[in-house]
């Protein structure tokens, strides 16, 4: 018995809506943190969401995308821990760029 009839079915199709939702939440947390840098819980939430994204991508064996998510998570953690010296705006912009572009990349993989 087939679970699906569509020849283009992949595990990514199952998890893509959840990934999109987690990345949207991470984006929102980052945007709010930039406006309220004293609220470290926001950046911790962003890092936790990126960790979940990374785990989900590994589960569906998208290891390249998972590595990108892991790097984004590490950057978010470094921002929370105050380990980013110099221009934090560049770090924020890089993190935001990754959060925005990852869903588009996953869409192309589908």
Foldseek 3Di string as FASTA:
>chain_A
DDPDDDPPDAVCVVCLVVLLVLLVQLLVLLVVCVVVVVPLVSLVSSLVSLQVSLVVCVVRPVNVLSVLSNVLSVLSVCSSVVVDDDDVVVSSVVSNVSSVCSSVVSVVVD
